[in-house]
Amino acid sequence: MNELDRKIVLFGNLFKDRLDNELLQDAINYVGHGETELAFETICDHLSEYEVSINQAEYDLAITLCNELEMDRNDISLRHLKELIICQK
């Protein structure tokens, strides 16, 4: 597993107990099959679909991973993630 794969797994694990763990694990498992981008996209899709609240740091990490994967930052799932950010005090 390379560094980017590890980052995707860590990103996914941030949402344990906020997102259905079976759905989350299925998405993370794509990494083990060489489908890193699919794993990341699926995690983001699930976060958006189930409207899981995220914090600014998690959003920033998603954007960083998006850039590392050379994905389009205007992807609908990523755009929706921004709407899920909750303010932290």
PDB file of N, CA and C in Angstrom:
ATOM      1  N   MET A   1       0.853  -1.176   0.000  1.00  0.00           N
ATOM      2  CA  MET A   1       0.000   0.000   0.000  1.00  0.00           C
ATOM      3  C   MET A   1       0.899   1.239   0.000  1.00  0.00           C
ATOM      4  N   ASN A   2       0.644   2.139  -0.942  1.00  0.00           N
ATOM      5  CA  ASN A   2       1.468   3.349  -1.014  1.00  0.00           C
ATOM      6  C   ASN A   2       0.912   4.441  -0.091  1.00  0.00           C
ATOM      7  N   GLU A   3       1.613   5.556  -0.042  1.00  0.00           N
ATOM      8  CA  GLU A   3       1.249   6.647   0.873  1.00  0.00           C
ATOM      9  C   GLU A   3      -0.148   7.204   0.578  1.00  0.00           C
ATOM     10  N   LEU A   4      -0.467   7.375  -0.693  1.00  0.00           N
ATOM     11  CA  LEU A   4      -1.787   7.900  -1.055  1.00  0.00           C
ATOM     12  C   LEU A   4      -2.887   6.920  -0.636  1.00  0.00           C
ATOM     13  N   ASP A   5      -2.642   5.633  -0.825  1.00  0.00           N
ATOM     14  CA  ASP A   5      -3.611   4.626  -0.377  1.00  0.00           C
ATOM     15  C   ASP A   5      -3.858   4.758   1.124  1.00  0.00           C
ATOM     16  N   ARG A   6      -2.790   4.908   1.880  1.00  0.00           N
ATOM     17  CA  ARG A   6      -2.915   5.042   3.340  1.00  0.00           C
ATOM     18  C   ARG A   6      -3.720   6.291   3.709  1.00  0.00           C
ATOM     19  N   LYS A   7      -3.482   7.373   2.982  1.00  0.00           N
ATOM     20  CA  LYS A   7      -4.223   8.613   3.255  1.00  0.00           C
ATOM     21  C   LYS A   7      -5.719   8.439   3.000  1.00  0.00           C
ATOM     22  N   ILE A   8      -6.059   7.702   1.945  1.00  0.00           N
ATOM     23  CA  ILE A   8      -7.470   7.470   1.631  1.00  0.00           C
ATOM     24  C   ILE A   8      -8.115   6.620   2.726  1.00  0.00           C
ATOM     25  N   VAL A   9      -7.406   5.582   3.174  1.00  0.00           N
ATOM     26  CA  VAL A   9      -7.925   4.733   4.256  1.00  0.00           C
ATOM     27  C   VAL A   9      -8.118   5.559   5.526  1.00  0.00           C
ATOM     28  N   LEU A  10      -7.136   6.383   5.862  1.00  0.00           N
ATOM     29  CA  LEU A  10      -7.254   7.235   7.054  1.00  0.00           C
ATOM     30  C   LEU A  10      -8.415   8.218   6.914  1.00  0.00           C
ATOM     31  N   PHE A  11      -8.566   8.782   5.716  1.00  0.00           N
ATOM     32  CA  PHE A  11      -9.680   9.697   5.459  1.00  0.00           C
ATOM     33  C   PHE A  11     -11.010   8.979   5.702  1.00  0.00           C
ATOM     34  N   GLY A  12     -11.147   7.796   5.144  1.00  0.00           N
ATOM     35  CA  GLY A  12     -12.377   7.033   5.336  1.00  0.00           C
ATOM     36  C   GLY A  12     -12.641   6.723   6.793  1.00  0.00           C
ATOM     37  N   ASN A  13     -11.594   6.363   7.509  1.00  0.00           N
ATOM     38  CA  ASN A  13     -11.750   5.997   8.919  1.00  0.00           C
ATOM     39  C   ASN A  13     -12.181   7.170   9.797  1.00  0.00           C
ATOM     40  N   LEU A  14     -12.018   8.386   9.307  1.00  0.00           N
ATOM     41  CA  LEU A  14     -12.492   9.556  10.057  1.00  0.00           C
ATOM     42  C   LEU A  14     -14.007   9.524  10.265  1.00  0.00           C
ATOM     43  N   PHE A  15     -14.699   8.784   9.415  1.00  0.00           N
ATOM     44  CA  PHE A  15     -16.160   8.832   9.419  1.00  0.00           C
ATOM     45  C   PHE A  15     -16.809   7.594  10.028  1.00  0.00           C
ATOM     46  N   LYS A  16     -15.991   6.756  10.676  1.00  0.00           N
ATOM     47  CA  LYS A  16     -16.564   5.607  11.384  1.00  0.00           C
ATOM     48  C   LYS A  16     -17.537   6.130  12.429  1.00  0.00           C
ATOM     49  N   ASP A  17     -18.649   5.467  12.531  1.00  0.00           N
ATOM     50  CA  ASP A  17     -19.727   5.803  13.467  1.00  0.00           C
ATOM     51  C   ASP A  17     -20.499   7.068  13.088  1.00  0.00           C
ATOM     52  N   ARG A  18     -20.110   7.723  12.009  1.00  0.00           N
ATOM     53  CA  ARG A  18     -20.933   8.819  11.476  1.00  0.00           C
ATOM     54  C   ARG A  18     -21.593   8.383  10.174  1.00  0.00           C
ATOM     55  N   LEU A  19     -20.994   7.395   9.552  1.00  0.00           N
ATOM     56  CA  LEU A  19     -21.498   6.824   8.312  1.00  0.00           C
ATOM     57  C   LEU A  19     -21.623   5.330   8.562  1.00  0.00           C
ATOM     58  N   ASP A  20     -22.606   4.692   7.969  1.00  0.00           N
ATOM     59  CA  ASP A  20     -22.775   3.254   8.146  1.00  0.00           C
ATOM     60  C   ASP A  20     -21.429   2.553   7.931  1.00  0.00           C
ATOM     61  N   ASN A  21     -20.979   1.839   8.952  1.00  0.00           N
ATOM     62  CA  ASN A  21     -19.644   1.244   8.910  1.00  0.00           C
ATOM     63  C   ASN A  21     -19.478   0.218   7.796  1.00  0.00           C
ATOM     64  N   GLU A  22     -20.537  -0.495   7.446  1.00  0.00           N
ATOM     65  CA  GLU A  22     -20.437  -1.466   6.357  1.00  0.00           C
ATOM     66  C   GLU A  22     -20.247  -0.756   5.023  1.00  0.00           C
ATOM     67  N   LEU A  23     -21.020   0.290   4.786  1.00  0.00           N
ATOM     68  CA  LEU A  23     -20.849   1.087   3.564  1.00  0.00           C
ATOM     69  C   LEU A  23     -19.442   1.662   3.500  1.00  0.00           C
ATOM     70  N   LEU A  24     -19.003   2.189   4.615  1.00  0.00           N
ATOM     71  CA  LEU A  24     -17.683   2.799   4.686  1.00  0.00           C
ATOM     72  C   LEU A  24     -16.595   1.771   4.408  1.00  0.00           C
ATOM     73  N   GLN A  25     -16.685   0.617   5.036  1.00  0.00           N
ATOM     74  CA  GLN A  25     -15.661  -0.406   4.846  1.00  0.00           C
ATOM     75  C   GLN A  25     -15.651  -0.916   3.411  1.00  0.00           C
ATOM     76  N   ASP A  26     -16.824  -1.056   2.803  1.00  0.00           N
ATOM     77  CA  ASP A  26     -16.881  -1.472   1.400  1.00  0.00           C
ATOM     78  C   ASP A  26     -16.141  -0.473   0.516  1.00  0.00           C
ATOM     79  N   ALA A  27     -16.324   0.814   0.786  1.00  0.00           N
ATOM     80  CA  ALA A  27     -15.635   1.845   0.009  1.00  0.00           C
ATOM     81  C   ALA A  27     -14.127   1.779   0.240  1.00  0.00           C
ATOM     82  N   ILE A  28     -13.717   1.661   1.492  1.00  0.00           N
ATOM     83  CA  ILE A  28     -12.292   1.599   1.823  1.00  0.00           C
ATOM     84  C   ILE A  28     -11.644   0.372   1.190  1.00  0.00           C
ATOM     85  N   ASN A  29     -12.383  -0.723   1.092  1.00  0.00           N
ATOM     86  CA  ASN A  29     -11.832  -1.955   0.524  1.00  0.00           C
ATOM     87  C   ASN A  29     -11.407  -1.804  -0.931  1.00  0.00           C
ATOM     88  N   TYR A  30     -11.943  -0.824  -1.644  1.00  0.00           N
ATOM     89  CA  TYR A  30     -11.514  -0.590  -3.022  1.00  0.00           C
ATOM     90  C   TYR A  30     -10.016  -0.307  -3.089  1.00  0.00           C
ATOM     91  N   VAL A  31      -9.471   0.307  -2.051  1.00  0.00           N
ATOM     92  CA  VAL A  31      -8.033   0.606  -2.017  1.00  0.00           C
ATOM     93  C   VAL A  31      -7.230  -0.681  -2.171  1.00  0.00           C
ATOM     94  N   GLY A  32      -7.636  -1.724  -1.479  1.00  0.00           N
ATOM     95  CA  GLY A  32      -6.933  -3.000  -1.533  1.00  0.00           C
ATOM     96  C   GLY A  32      -6.994  -3.679  -2.883  1.00  0.00           C
ATOM     97  N   HIS A  33      -7.873  -3.201  -3.748  1.00  0.00           N
ATOM     98  CA  HIS A  33      -8.008  -3.755  -5.094  1.00  0.00           C
ATOM     99  C   HIS A  33      -7.424  -2.808  -6.147  1.00  0.00           C
ATOM    100  N   GLY A  34      -6.608  -1.863  -5.692  1.00  0.00           N
ATOM    101  CA  GLY A  34      -5.966  -0.939  -6.624  1.00  0.00           C
ATOM    102  C   GLY A  34      -6.882   0.149  -7.151  1.00  0.00           C
ATOM    103  N   GLU A  35      -7.993   0.367  -6.493  1.00  0.00           N
ATOM    104  CA  GLU A  35      -8.986   1.353  -6.939  1.00  0.00           C
ATOM    105  C   GLU A  35      -9.045   2.529  -5.966  1.00  0.00           C
ATOM    106  N   THR A  36      -7.913   3.189  -5.799  1.00  0.00           N
ATOM    107  CA  THR A  36      -7.807   4.281  -4.835  1.00  0.00           C
ATOM    108  C   THR A  36      -8.777   5.414  -5.145  1.00  0.00           C
ATOM    109  N   GLU A  37      -8.826   5.823  -6.403  1.00  0.00           N
ATOM    110  CA  GLU A  37      -9.712   6.925  -6.784  1.00  0.00           C
ATOM    111  C   GLU A  37     -11.175   6.543  -6.558  1.00  0.00           C
ATOM    112  N   LEU A  38     -11.531   5.317  -6.915  1.00  0.00           N
ATOM    113  CA  LEU A  38     -12.901   4.856  -6.700  1.00  0.00           C
ATOM    114  C   LEU A  38     -13.239   4.842  -5.210  1.00  0.00           C
ATOM    115  N   ALA A  39     -12.290   4.428  -4.379  1.00  0.00           N
ATOM    116  CA  ALA A  39     -12.510   4.425  -2.927  1.00  0.00           C
ATOM    117  C   ALA A  39     -12.823   5.835  -2.442  1.00  0.00           C
ATOM    118  N   PHE A  40     -12.009   6.798  -2.856  1.00  0.00           N
ATOM    119  CA  PHE A  40     -12.203   8.182  -2.431  1.00  0.00           C
ATOM    120  C   PHE A  40     -13.541   8.728  -2.931  1.00  0.00           C
ATOM    121  N   GLU A  41     -13.832   8.506  -4.213  1.00  0.00           N
ATOM    122  CA  GLU A  41     -15.096   8.984  -4.776  1.00  0.00           C
ATOM    123  C   GLU A  41     -16.291   8.384  -4.043  1.00  0.00           C
ATOM    124  N   THR A  42     -16.202   7.096  -3.727  1.00  0.00           N
ATOM    125  CA  THR A  42     -17.308   6.416  -3.061  1.00  0.00           C
ATOM    126  C   THR A  42     -17.512   6.952  -1.649  1.00  0.00           C
ATOM    127  N   ILE A  43     -16.421   7.185  -0.934  1.00  0.00           N
ATOM    128  CA  ILE A  43     -16.532   7.769   0.408  1.00  0.00           C
ATOM    129  C   ILE A  43     -17.217   9.135   0.312  1.00  0.00           C
ATOM    130  N   CYS A  44     -16.761   9.962  -0.608  1.00  0.00           N
ATOM    131  CA  CYS A  44     -17.355  11.296  -0.777  1.00  0.00           C
ATOM    132  C   CYS A  44     -18.820  11.199  -1.180  1.00  0.00           C
ATOM    133  N   ASP A  45     -19.134  10.255  -2.076  1.00  0.00           N
ATOM    134  CA  ASP A  45     -20.532  10.061  -2.485  1.00  0.00           C
ATOM    135  C   ASP A  45     -21.406   9.697  -1.290  1.00  0.00           C
ATOM    136  N   HIS A  46     -20.920   8.777  -0.460  1.00  0.00           N
ATOM    137  CA  HIS A  46     -21.692   8.361   0.715  1.00  0.00           C
ATOM    138  C   HIS A  46     -21.875   9.520   1.696  1.00  0.00           C
ATOM    139  N   LEU A  47     -20.824  10.295   1.907  1.00  0.00           N
ATOM    140  CA  LEU A  47     -20.938  11.450   2.804  1.00  0.00           C
ATOM    141  C   LEU A  47     -22.015  12.404   2.299  1.00  0.00           C
ATOM    142  N   SER A  48     -22.007  12.632   0.995  1.00  0.00           N
ATOM    143  CA  SER A  48     -22.991  13.535   0.400  1.00  0.00           C
ATOM    144  C   SER A  48     -24.390  12.948   0.445  1.00  0.00           C
ATOM    145  N   GLU A  49     -24.504  11.692   0.040  1.00  0.00           N
ATOM    146  CA  GLU A  49     -25.817  11.053  -0.029  1.00  0.00           C
ATOM    147  C   GLU A  49     -26.498  10.989   1.334  1.00  0.00           C
ATOM    148  N   TYR A  50     -25.716  10.691   2.363  1.00  0.00           N
ATOM    149  CA  TYR A  50     -26.287  10.553   3.697  1.00  0.00           C
ATOM    150  C   TYR A  50     -26.146  11.827   4.532  1.00  0.00           C
ATOM    151  N   GLU A  51     -25.691  12.900   3.879  1.00  0.00           N
ATOM    152  CA  GLU A  51     -25.572  14.221   4.500  1.00  0.00           C
ATOM    153  C   GLU A  51     -24.876  14.160   5.857  1.00  0.00           C
ATOM    154  N   VAL A  52     -23.700  13.552   5.844  1.00  0.00           N
ATOM    155  CA  VAL A  52     -22.883  13.431   7.050  1.00  0.00           C
ATOM    156  C   VAL A  52     -22.162  14.755   7.279  1.00  0.00           C
ATOM    157  N   SER A  53     -22.347  15.351   8.431  1.00  0.00           N
ATOM    158  CA  SER A  53     -21.660  16.605   8.751  1.00  0.00           C
ATOM    159  C   SER A  53     -20.161  16.363   8.844  1.00  0.00           C
ATOM    160  N   ILE A  54     -19.404  17.307   8.308  1.00  0.00           N
ATOM    161  CA  ILE A  54     -17.944  17.237   8.366  1.00  0.00           C
ATOM    162  C   ILE A  54     -17.425  18.557   8.910  1.00  0.00           C
ATOM    163  N   ASN A  55     -16.172  18.562   9.334  1.00  0.00           N
ATOM    164  CA  ASN A  55     -15.589  19.825   9.788  1.00  0.00           C
ATOM    165  C   ASN A  55     -14.676  20.384   8.697  1.00  0.00           C
ATOM    166  N   GLN A  56     -14.192  21.584   8.916  1.00  0.00           N
ATOM    167  CA  GLN A  56     -13.370  22.253   7.911  1.00  0.00           C
ATOM    168  C   GLN A  56     -12.099  21.464   7.616  1.00  0.00           C
ATOM    169  N   ALA A  57     -11.484  20.894   8.639  1.00  0.00           N
ATOM    170  CA  ALA A  57     -10.249  20.124   8.440  1.00  0.00           C
ATOM    171  C   ALA A  57     -10.507  18.899   7.564  1.00  0.00           C
ATOM    172  N   GLU A  58     -11.647  18.240   7.757  1.00  0.00           N
ATOM    173  CA  GLU A  58     -11.981  17.074   6.932  1.00  0.00           C
ATOM    174  C   GLU A  58     -12.226  17.494   5.489  1.00  0.00           C
ATOM    175  N   TYR A  59     -12.884  18.620   5.307  1.00  0.00           N
ATOM    176  CA  TYR A  59     -13.103  19.140   3.956  1.00  0.00           C
ATOM    177  C   TYR A  59     -11.770  19.488   3.299  1.00  0.00           C
ATOM    178  N   ASP A  60     -10.901  20.160   4.038  1.00  0.00           N
ATOM    179  CA  ASP A  60      -9.588  20.525   3.497  1.00  0.00           C
ATOM    180  C   ASP A  60      -8.800  19.283   3.102  1.00  0.00           C
ATOM    181  N   LEU A  61      -8.881  18.233   3.912  1.00  0.00           N
ATOM    182  CA  LEU A  61      -8.204  16.983   3.589  1.00  0.00           C
ATOM    183  C   LEU A  61      -8.787  16.380   2.317  1.00  0.00           C
ATOM    184  N   ALA A  62     -10.100  16.432   2.163  1.00  0.00           N
ATOM    185  CA  ALA A  62     -10.735  15.918   0.947  1.00  0.00           C
ATOM    186  C   ALA A  62     -10.221  16.657  -0.283  1.00  0.00           C
ATOM    187  N   ILE A  63     -10.087  17.963  -0.192  1.00  0.00           N
ATOM    188  CA  ILE A  63      -9.580  18.749  -1.320  1.00  0.00           C
ATOM    189  C   ILE A  63      -8.121  18.393  -1.607  1.00  0.00           C
ATOM    190  N   THR A  64      -7.322  18.221  -0.567  1.00  0.00           N
ATOM    191  CA  THR A  64      -5.926  17.821  -0.742  1.00  0.00           C
ATOM    192  C   THR A  64      -5.846  16.473  -1.449  1.00  0.00           C
ATOM    193  N   LEU A  65      -6.652  15.517  -1.004  1.00  0.00           N
ATOM    194  CA  LEU A  65      -6.653  14.191  -1.627  1.00  0.00           C
ATOM    195  C   LEU A  65      -7.134  14.272  -3.068  1.00  0.00           C
ATOM    196  N   CYS A  66      -8.127  15.089  -3.311  1.00  0.00           N
ATOM    197  CA  CYS A  66      -8.623  15.301  -4.667  1.00  0.00           C
ATOM    198  C   CYS A  66      -7.497  15.791  -5.570  1.00  0.00           C
ATOM    199  N   ASN A  67      -6.723  16.739  -5.083  1.00  0.00           N
ATOM    200  CA  ASN A  67      -5.599  17.263  -5.857  1.00  0.00           C
ATOM    201  C   ASN A  67      -4.538  16.195  -6.083  1.00  0.00           C
ATOM    202  N   GLU A  68      -4.241  15.405  -5.046  1.00  0.00           N
ATOM    203  CA  GLU A  68      -3.244  14.342  -5.185  1.00  0.00           C
ATOM    204  C   GLU A  68      -3.697  13.281  -6.184  1.00  0.00           C
ATOM    205  N   LEU A  69      -4.997  13.046  -6.250  1.00  0.00           N
ATOM    206  CA  LEU A  69      -5.547  12.077  -7.197  1.00  0.00           C
ATOM    207  C   LEU A  69      -5.741  12.680  -8.586  1.00  0.00           C
ATOM    208  N   GLU A  70      -5.495  13.989  -8.697  1.00  0.00           N
ATOM    209  CA  GLU A  70      -5.670  14.736  -9.938  1.00  0.00           C
ATOM    210  C   GLU A  70      -7.105  14.635 -10.448  1.00  0.00           C
ATOM    211  N   MET A  71      -8.028  14.731  -9.506  1.00  0.00           N
ATOM    212  CA  MET A  71      -9.452  14.706  -9.828  1.00  0.00           C
ATOM    213  C   MET A  71      -9.966  16.128  -9.998  1.00  0.00           C
ATOM    214  N   ASP A  72     -11.126  16.235 -10.603  1.00  0.00           N
ATOM    215  CA  ASP A  72     -11.782  17.524 -10.799  1.00  0.00           C
ATOM    216  C   ASP A  72     -12.367  18.008  -9.473  1.00  0.00           C
ATOM    217  N   ARG A  73     -11.899  19.144  -8.997  1.00  0.00           N
ATOM    218  CA  ARG A  73     -12.398  19.700  -7.729  1.00  0.00           C
ATOM    219  C   ARG A  73     -13.849  20.141  -7.829  1.00  0.00           C
ATOM    220  N   ASN A  74     -14.365  20.229  -9.049  1.00  0.00           N
ATOM    221  CA  ASN A  74     -15.759  20.629  -9.243  1.00  0.00           C
ATOM    222  C   ASN A  74     -16.696  19.435  -9.334  1.00  0.00           C
ATOM    223  N   ASP A  75     -16.177  18.243  -9.049  1.00  0.00           N
ATOM    224  CA  ASP A  75     -17.012  17.044  -9.016  1.00  0.00           C
ATOM    225  C   ASP A  75     -18.193  17.297  -8.083  1.00  0.00           C
ATOM    226  N   ILE A  76     -19.357  16.808  -8.463  1.00  0.00           N
ATOM    227  CA  ILE A  76     -20.580  17.093  -7.698  1.00  0.00           C
ATOM    228  C   ILE A  76     -20.471  16.658  -6.239  1.00  0.00           C
ATOM    229  N   SER A  77     -19.833  15.525  -5.974  1.00  0.00           N
ATOM    230  CA  SER A  77     -19.703  15.057  -4.585  1.00  0.00           C
ATOM    231  C   SER A  77     -18.847  16.006  -3.765  1.00  0.00           C
ATOM    232  N   LEU A  78     -17.767  16.496  -4.346  1.00  0.00           N
ATOM    233  CA  LEU A  78     -16.892  17.419  -3.623  1.00  0.00           C
ATOM    234  C   LEU A  78     -17.568  18.761  -3.411  1.00  0.00           C
ATOM    235  N   ARG A  79     -18.299  19.218  -4.406  1.00  0.00           N
ATOM    236  CA  ARG A  79     -19.024  20.482  -4.235  1.00  0.00           C
ATOM    237  C   ARG A  79     -20.043  20.358  -3.112  1.00  0.00           C
ATOM    238  N   HIS A  80     -20.706  19.217  -3.026  1.00  0.00           N
ATOM    239  CA  HIS A  80     -21.704  19.028  -1.972  1.00  0.00           C
ATOM    240  C   HIS A  80     -21.049  18.909  -0.604  1.00  0.00           C
ATOM    241  N   LEU A  81     -19.830  18.359  -0.539  1.00  0.00           N
ATOM    242  CA  LEU A  81     -19.137  18.248   0.751  1.00  0.00           C
ATOM    243  C   LEU A  81     -19.012  19.609   1.423  1.00  0.00           C
ATOM    244  N   LYS A  82     -18.767  20.631   0.628  1.00  0.00           N
ATOM    245  CA  LYS A  82     -18.606  21.973   1.191  1.00  0.00           C
ATOM    246  C   LYS A  82     -19.865  22.407   1.942  1.00  0.00           C
ATOM    247  N   GLU A  83     -21.018  21.960   1.446  1.00  0.00           N
ATOM    248  CA  GLU A  83     -22.287  22.306   2.092  1.00  0.00           C
ATOM    249  C   GLU A  83     -22.489  21.557   3.405  1.00  0.00           C
ATOM    250  N   LEU A  84     -21.702  20.503   3.636  1.00  0.00           N
ATOM    251  CA  LEU A  84     -21.853  19.680   4.838  1.00  0.00           C
ATOM    252  C   LEU A  84     -20.978  20.143   5.997  1.00  0.00           C
ATOM    253  N   ILE A  85     -20.167  21.172   5.757  1.00  0.00           N
ATOM    254  CA  ILE A  85     -19.255  21.652   6.802  1.00  0.00           C
ATOM    255  C   ILE A  85     -20.056  22.276   7.939  1.00  0.00           C
ATOM    256  N   ILE A  86     -19.727  21.842   9.147  1.00  0.00           N
ATOM    257  CA  ILE A  86     -20.333  22.432  10.338  1.00  0.00           C
ATOM    258  C   ILE A  86     -19.303  23.340  10.992  1.00  0.00           C
ATOM    259  N   CYS A  87     -19.766  24.376  11.604  1.00  0.00           N
ATOM    260  CA  CYS A  87     -18.863  25.291  12.306  1.00  0.00           C
ATOM    261  C   CYS A  87     -18.450  24.665  13.626  1.00  0.00           C
ATOM    262  N   GLN A  88     -17.170  24.791  13.937  1.00  0.00           N
ATOM    263  CA  GLN A  88     -16.676  24.305  15.220  1.00  0.00           C
ATOM    264  C   GLN A  88     -16.352  25.495  16.094  1.00  0.00           C
ATOM    265  N   LYS A  89     -16.663  25.366  17.364  1.00  0.00           N
ATOM    266  CA  LYS A  89     -16.401  26.467  18.293  1.00  0.00           C
ATOM    267  C   LYS A  89     -15.171  26.180  19.100  1.00  0.00           C
TER     268      LYS A  89
END
